[in-house]
């Protein structure tokens, strides 16, 4: 299991350390945890708040400036299995000068984090560079020279287009050592995941499932690419497409079928669309719990399908089938509207 922990408020690093780190604090000693320095409250980084001293993060108690020394102290107390060094992420529309500065800071903070670290765990060097292939390559070359266990590739999902992304990903992965894992942040949609895998990404860190669940959506896309779980476009099912359904929609009020037929998750085995529709519309917390169980299960099965396709040497066919299937459905939906 890969979990994200950015900044823990309320408990001091010393207290977390005395408890035994994250594994003991949350009662999951057998699971793996990753600590990633990314702003999870604010969708886009406030790049103007970050300076040469440290990175700025939005928290429920306000904005905090985190210096490399502060960050490493947090890491030492949390004792994660994997942690990414501090990075200065910027959105795609910043100036070339600001983008270059973010690379310079990220490389400098990488050296500071490595020098300060006594935390143990696998250190992943952070790679940024925004929408510039040249800056991505420059940052990657610098990080690849350092003694790190893997790579955290940031700056994605921050305004770049799907068409721009392959060149940016390939610019990074072409330089990195193949034997070291690559973890990317900001790619969560099924199409984005397939795009990342095609470029050589090994691990994905995303809030996709969280935000999907929060809005009342359930994943339903076919795990085999095409031919399963196909449903017709319904203009009354607002916000839905072939990858997900909106369970807040009135058409599910009397629907006694599971979210996905033959799904083995707890939610689909025990509850109906009608029940979840009711829970969502009366604002019951259980709605999000049941939806997240299903969405997480479905998402992990998707990754399992990708691994099987890779083992069989059929990933490219799998990816093309999936993308073409989605494109065809969206075309039908556009005609219906």
Protein backbone atom coordinates (compact mmCIF):
# COMPACT_ATOMS: atom_id res chain seq x y z
CA UNK A 1 0.00 0.00 0.00
CA UNK A 2 1.31 3.44 -0.95
CA UNK A 3 0.07 6.33 1.17
CA UNK A 4 0.75 10.05 1.11
CA UNK A 5 1.69 12.03 4.16
CA UNK A 6 2.75 15.62 3.62
CA UNK A 7 2.55 17.58 6.86
CA UNK A 8 1.10 16.22 10.09
CA UNK A 9 -0.36 18.96 12.25
CA UNK A 10 -1.21 18.62 15.91
CA UNK A 11 1.49 16.08 16.75
CA UNK A 12 5.09 17.25 16.92
CA UNK A 13 7.80 15.29 15.08
CA UNK A 14 9.21 14.27 18.48
CA UNK A 15 5.85 12.79 19.55
CA UNK A 16 5.44 10.88 16.27
CA UNK A 17 8.96 9.52 16.66
CA UNK A 18 8.25 8.34 20.22
CA UNK A 19 5.12 6.54 19.03
CA UNK A 20 7.28 4.65 16.53
CA UNK A 21 6.58 6.52 13.30
CA UNK A 22 3.65 6.32 10.90
CA UNK A 23 3.42 2.52 10.87
CA UNK A 24 2.83 2.31 14.62
CA UNK A 25 0.74 5.47 14.86
CA UNK A 26 -1.89 4.27 12.37
CA UNK A 27 -1.61 0.60 13.34
CA UNK A 28 -0.42 -0.68 9.97
CA UNK A 29 3.08 -2.07 10.63
CA UNK A 30 2.95 -4.45 7.66
CA UNK A 31 2.19 -1.76 5.06
CA UNK A 32 4.52 0.50 3.13
CA UNK A 33 4.26 4.28 3.36
CA UNK A 34 5.58 7.01 1.08
CA UNK A 35 6.07 10.63 2.15
CA UNK A 36 5.72 13.07 -0.74
CA UNK A 37 6.28 16.82 -0.54
CA UNK A 38 3.25 17.97 -2.47
CA UNK A 39 0.48 20.39 -1.57
CA UNK A 40 -2.63 18.21 -1.28
CA UNK A 41 -4.98 20.90 0.06
CA UNK A 42 -4.34 23.47 -2.66
CA UNK A 43 -4.69 21.84 -6.08
CA UNK A 44 -2.19 24.19 -7.72
CA UNK A 45 1.01 25.27 -5.95
CA UNK A 46 1.27 28.86 -4.81
CA UNK A 47 4.63 29.30 -6.48
CA UNK A 48 4.86 32.96 -5.44
CA UNK A 49 4.80 31.96 -1.77
CA UNK A 50 7.79 29.62 -2.13
CA UNK A 51 11.22 31.23 -1.87
CA UNK A 52 14.87 30.24 -1.87
CA UNK A 53 14.65 29.21 1.79
CA UNK A 54 11.88 26.62 1.48
CA UNK A 55 8.63 25.42 -0.10
CA UNK A 56 5.25 26.88 0.83
CA UNK A 57 2.31 24.57 1.63
CA UNK A 58 -1.35 25.27 2.34
CA UNK A 59 -2.61 23.54 5.50
CA UNK A 60 -5.93 23.66 7.41
CA UNK A 61 -4.21 26.07 9.81
CA UNK A 62 -2.79 28.38 7.16
CA UNK A 63 0.19 28.52 4.85
CA UNK A 64 3.50 27.15 6.12
CA UNK A 65 7.01 27.61 4.78
CA UNK A 66 8.93 24.34 5.07
CA UNK A 67 12.72 24.42 4.93
CA UNK A 68 14.77 21.33 4.02
CA UNK A 69 15.86 20.94 7.66
CA UNK A 70 12.22 21.06 8.85
CA UNK A 71 11.21 18.58 6.17
CA UNK A 72 13.94 16.07 7.01
CA UNK A 73 13.01 16.32 10.70
CA UNK A 74 9.43 15.37 9.78
CA UNK A 75 10.68 12.49 7.64
CA UNK A 76 12.91 11.24 10.47
CA UNK A 77 9.95 11.18 12.85
CA UNK A 78 7.49 9.54 10.41
CA UNK A 79 9.92 6.79 9.31
CA UNK A 80 8.28 6.14 5.90
CA UNK A 81 9.54 3.37 3.61
CA UNK A 82 9.95 5.87 0.75
CA UNK A 83 10.32 9.62 0.84
CA UNK A 84 10.78 12.21 -1.87
CA UNK A 85 13.09 15.17 -1.38
CA UNK A 86 11.67 18.67 -1.11
CA UNK A 87 10.68 20.20 -4.46
CA UNK A 88 9.65 23.59 -5.81
CA UNK A 89 6.71 22.69 -8.08
CA UNK A 90 5.26 25.31 -10.40
CA UNK A 91 2.23 25.28 -12.74
CA UNK A 92 2.65 25.11 -16.50
CA UNK A 93 2.01 28.82 -17.15
CA UNK A 94 4.88 30.34 -15.14
CA UNK A 95 7.65 32.23 -16.91
CA UNK A 96 10.77 30.50 -18.17
CA UNK A 97 12.79 32.31 -15.51
CA UNK A 98 10.54 31.06 -12.69
CA UNK A 99 10.61 27.55 -14.10
CA UNK A 100 14.41 27.58 -14.23
CA UNK A 101 14.50 28.84 -10.64
CA UNK A 102 12.29 25.93 -9.54
CA UNK A 103 14.78 23.45 -11.02
CA UNK A 104 17.74 25.20 -9.32
CA UNK A 105 15.97 25.18 -5.95
CA UNK A 106 14.84 21.57 -6.26
CA UNK A 107 18.39 20.37 -7.01
CA UNK A 108 19.82 22.46 -4.16
CA UNK A 109 17.21 21.14 -1.72
CA UNK A 110 17.94 17.59 -2.91
CA UNK A 111 21.56 17.97 -1.81
CA UNK A 112 20.50 19.53 1.50
CA UNK A 113 17.98 16.75 2.21
CA UNK A 114 20.53 14.03 1.44
CA UNK A 115 23.17 15.75 3.63
CA UNK A 116 20.75 16.17 6.55
CA UNK A 117 19.09 12.78 6.32
CA UNK A 118 19.61 10.09 8.90
CA UNK A 119 16.06 8.83 8.58
CA UNK A 120 16.62 5.65 6.64
CA UNK A 121 14.07 4.58 4.07
CA UNK A 122 14.47 4.85 0.32
CA UNK A 123 15.24 8.42 -0.83
CA UNK A 124 13.59 9.42 -4.10
CA UNK A 125 15.16 12.42 -5.81
CA UNK A 126 12.59 14.99 -6.94
CA UNK A 127 12.46 16.01 -10.60
CA UNK A 128 10.62 19.12 -11.84
CA UNK A 129 10.88 21.37 -14.89
CA UNK A 130 7.33 22.39 -15.71
CA UNK A 131 6.34 22.39 -19.40
CA UNK A 132 9.92 22.76 -20.66
CA UNK A 133 11.60 19.68 -22.10
CA UNK A 134 15.02 21.35 -21.69
CA UNK A 135 14.47 22.10 -17.98
CA UNK A 136 13.08 18.61 -17.41
CA UNK A 137 16.21 17.14 -18.96
CA UNK A 138 18.49 19.45 -16.97
CA UNK A 139 16.83 18.55 -13.68
CA UNK A 140 16.82 14.84 -14.49
CA UNK A 141 20.52 14.85 -15.36
CA UNK A 142 21.35 16.54 -12.06
CA UNK A 143 19.22 14.17 -9.98
CA UNK A 144 20.51 11.09 -11.82
CA UNK A 145 24.04 11.98 -10.68
CA UNK A 146 23.01 11.80 -7.00
CA UNK A 147 23.00 8.69 -4.86
CA UNK A 148 19.23 8.12 -4.58
CA UNK A 149 17.13 4.95 -4.46
CA UNK A 150 14.56 6.13 -6.99
CA UNK A 151 12.94 9.15 -8.58
CA UNK A 152 9.87 11.25 -7.81
CA UNK A 153 8.67 13.05 -10.93
CA UNK A 154 6.62 16.12 -10.02
CA UNK A 155 5.07 19.06 -11.81
CA UNK A 156 2.42 17.05 -13.66
CA UNK A 157 -1.31 17.66 -13.48
CA UNK A 158 -0.56 21.36 -13.09
CA UNK A 159 -1.84 22.77 -16.36
CA UNK A 160 0.03 20.89 -19.07
CA UNK A 161 -2.06 19.30 -21.81
CA UNK A 162 -2.34 15.58 -22.56
CA UNK A 163 -0.60 16.23 -25.88
CA UNK A 164 2.37 17.92 -24.22
CA UNK A 165 2.85 15.23 -21.60
CA UNK A 166 4.42 12.33 -23.58
CA UNK A 167 7.40 14.47 -24.65
CA UNK A 168 7.91 15.69 -21.07
CA UNK A 169 7.68 12.18 -19.60
CA UNK A 170 9.94 10.67 -22.23
CA UNK A 171 12.52 13.43 -21.73
CA UNK A 172 12.78 12.35 -18.08
CA UNK A 173 12.57 8.56 -18.35
CA UNK A 174 15.09 8.39 -21.21
CA UNK A 175 17.80 9.68 -18.85
CA UNK A 176 16.94 7.75 -15.68
CA UNK A 177 18.53 4.44 -14.72
CA UNK A 178 16.14 1.62 -15.59
CA UNK A 179 16.77 -0.38 -12.42
CA UNK A 180 15.59 2.43 -10.14
CA UNK A 181 11.82 2.97 -9.64
CA UNK A 182 10.07 6.06 -11.01
CA UNK A 183 7.17 7.54 -9.04
CA UNK A 184 5.04 10.20 -10.74
CA UNK A 185 2.66 12.63 -9.07
CA UNK A 186 -0.43 14.20 -10.63
CA UNK A 187 -1.51 11.52 -13.13
CA UNK A 188 -4.69 9.75 -12.07
CA UNK A 189 -7.19 9.38 -14.91
CA UNK A 190 -7.07 5.91 -16.53
CA UNK A 191 -5.83 7.48 -19.78
CA UNK A 192 -3.13 9.36 -17.88
CA UNK A 193 -2.01 6.22 -16.10
CA UNK A 194 -1.68 4.38 -19.42
CA UNK A 195 0.25 7.36 -20.79
CA UNK A 196 2.62 7.18 -17.83
CA UNK A 197 3.14 3.41 -18.07
CA UNK A 198 3.89 3.76 -21.79
CA UNK A 199 6.62 6.27 -20.88
CA UNK A 200 8.19 3.93 -18.32
CA UNK A 201 6.60 5.06 -15.03
CA UNK A 202 6.46 2.41 -12.26
CA UNK A 203 4.48 4.05 -9.44
CA UNK A 204 1.63 6.57 -9.35
CA UNK A 205 0.69 9.00 -6.60
CA UNK A 206 -2.69 10.63 -7.14
CA UNK A 207 -5.75 12.11 -5.39
CA UNK A 208 -7.96 10.88 -8.24
CA UNK A 209 -9.92 8.33 -6.20
CA UNK A 210 -10.40 10.76 -3.32
CA UNK A 211 -11.82 13.56 -5.49
CA UNK A 212 -13.91 11.13 -7.55
CA UNK A 213 -15.49 9.70 -4.40
CA UNK A 214 -16.08 13.12 -2.89
CA UNK A 215 -18.16 14.12 -5.93
CA UNK A 216 -20.29 10.95 -5.79
CA UNK A 217 -18.82 9.13 -8.79
CA UNK A 218 -18.20 5.40 -9.08
CA UNK A 219 -15.68 3.84 -11.46
CA UNK A 220 -17.27 1.48 -13.97
CA UNK A 221 -14.88 1.36 -16.92
CA UNK A 222 -14.11 -2.08 -18.42
CA UNK A 223 -11.03 -3.60 -16.83
CA UNK A 224 -10.19 -5.53 -19.98
CA UNK A 225 -10.20 -2.46 -22.19
CA UNK A 226 -13.45 -3.11 -24.09
CA UNK A 227 -16.40 -5.43 -24.13
CA UNK A 228 -17.31 -5.42 -20.44
CA UNK A 229 -19.59 -3.22 -18.34
CA UNK A 230 -20.66 -1.28 -21.43
CA UNK A 231 -23.62 1.00 -20.86
CA UNK A 232 -25.45 3.31 -23.20
CA UNK A 233 -25.10 7.04 -22.96
CA UNK A 234 -27.93 8.59 -20.97
CA UNK A 235 -28.31 12.40 -21.07
CA UNK A 236 -30.03 12.24 -17.67
CA UNK A 237 -26.89 10.81 -16.10
CA UNK A 238 -25.12 14.16 -15.88
CA UNK A 239 -21.38 14.13 -15.43
CA UNK A 240 -21.03 10.47 -16.35
CA UNK A 241 -19.04 8.86 -19.12
CA UNK A 242 -17.87 5.39 -19.92
CA UNK A 243 -15.29 5.44 -17.12
CA UNK A 244 -17.61 6.40 -14.26
CA UNK A 245 -21.23 7.00 -13.24
CA UNK A 246 -22.73 9.76 -11.14
CA UNK A 247 -24.54 8.01 -8.30
CA UNK A 248 -26.20 11.24 -7.20
CA UNK A 249 -28.31 11.12 -10.38
CA UNK A 250 -32.04 10.45 -9.99
CA UNK A 251 -31.95 7.53 -12.44
CA UNK A 252 -30.31 5.43 -9.70
CA UNK A 253 -32.98 6.14 -7.08
CA UNK A 254 -34.70 2.79 -7.71
CA UNK A 255 -31.79 0.87 -9.22
CA UNK A 256 -31.30 -2.28 -7.16
CA UNK A 257 -28.26 -3.53 -9.08
CA UNK A 258 -24.69 -3.30 -7.74
CA UNK A 259 -22.40 -0.50 -8.90
CA UNK A 260 -20.66 -2.97 -11.24
CA UNK A 261 -21.99 -6.44 -12.00
CA UNK A 262 -19.66 -9.26 -10.90
CA UNK A 263 -17.43 -6.86 -8.95
CA UNK A 264 -16.02 -8.64 -5.88
CA UNK A 265 -15.61 -5.56 -3.65
CA UNK A 266 -17.54 -5.31 -0.37
CA UNK A 267 -19.74 -2.49 -1.67
CA UNK A 268 -20.92 -4.32 -4.80
CA UNK A 269 -21.40 -7.60 -2.93
CA UNK A 270 -23.61 -6.04 -0.26
CA UNK A 271 -25.20 -2.80 -1.50
CA UNK A 272 -27.07 -1.33 -4.47
CA UNK A 273 -26.89 1.84 -6.51
CA UNK A 274 -30.21 2.91 -4.99
CA UNK A 275 -28.83 2.66 -1.46
CA UNK A 276 -25.71 4.66 -2.26
CA UNK A 277 -27.84 7.22 -4.14
CA UNK A 278 -29.95 7.61 -0.98
CA UNK A 279 -26.88 7.96 1.26
CA UNK A 280 -25.37 10.61 -1.01
CA UNK A 281 -28.55 12.65 -1.21
CA UNK A 282 -29.06 12.69 2.57
CA UNK A 283 -25.35 13.47 3.08
CA UNK A 284 -24.52 10.32 5.04
CA UNK A 285 -20.79 9.77 5.59
CA UNK A 286 -21.27 6.07 4.80
CA UNK A 287 -21.80 7.01 1.14
CA UNK A 288 -18.18 8.13 0.77
CA UNK A 289 -16.93 5.06 2.65
CA UNK A 290 -18.78 2.61 0.41
CA UNK A 291 -17.85 4.52 -2.74
CA UNK A 292 -14.19 4.70 -1.79
CA UNK A 293 -14.14 0.94 -1.12
CA UNK A 294 -15.47 0.27 -4.61
CA UNK A 295 -13.39 2.91 -6.39
CA UNK A 296 -10.15 1.80 -4.74
CA UNK A 297 -10.90 -1.85 -5.54
CA UNK A 298 -11.74 -1.06 -9.18
CA UNK A 299 -8.68 1.18 -9.60
CA UNK A 300 -6.33 -1.48 -8.20
CA UNK A 301 -7.88 -4.09 -10.50
CA UNK A 302 -7.15 -1.72 -13.38
CA UNK A 303 -3.48 -1.69 -12.38
CA UNK A 304 -3.58 -5.48 -12.11
CA UNK A 305 -4.90 -5.63 -15.69
CA UNK A 306 -2.04 -3.40 -16.82
CA UNK A 307 0.52 -5.67 -15.16
CA UNK A 308 -1.02 -8.73 -16.81
CA UNK A 309 -0.91 -7.01 -20.21
CA UNK A 310 2.76 -6.12 -19.70
CA UNK A 311 3.62 -9.71 -18.70
CA UNK A 312 1.86 -11.00 -21.81
CA UNK A 313 3.67 -8.47 -24.00
CA UNK A 314 0.36 -6.88 -24.98
CA UNK A 315 0.41 -3.55 -23.17
CA UNK A 316 0.38 -1.41 -26.31
CA UNK A 317 -2.67 -3.29 -27.67
CA UNK A 318 -4.35 -2.96 -24.26
CA UNK A 319 -3.70 0.80 -24.19
CA UNK A 320 -4.95 1.35 -27.75
CA UNK A 321 -8.14 -0.65 -27.13
CA UNK A 322 -8.86 1.34 -23.99
CA UNK A 323 -8.24 4.76 -25.58
CA UNK A 324 -10.21 3.92 -28.74
CA UNK A 325 -13.11 2.60 -26.67
CA UNK A 326 -13.23 5.83 -24.65
CA UNK A 327 -12.96 7.99 -27.77
CA UNK A 328 -15.82 6.15 -29.48
CA UNK A 329 -18.06 6.51 -26.44
CA UNK A 330 -17.36 10.23 -26.09
CA UNK A 331 -18.17 10.71 -29.77
CA UNK A 332 -21.53 8.99 -29.30
CA UNK A 333 -22.20 11.10 -26.21
CA UNK A 334 -21.44 14.31 -28.12
CA UNK A 335 -23.88 13.34 -30.90
CA UNK A 336 -26.62 12.52 -28.35
CA UNK A 337 -26.22 15.88 -26.65
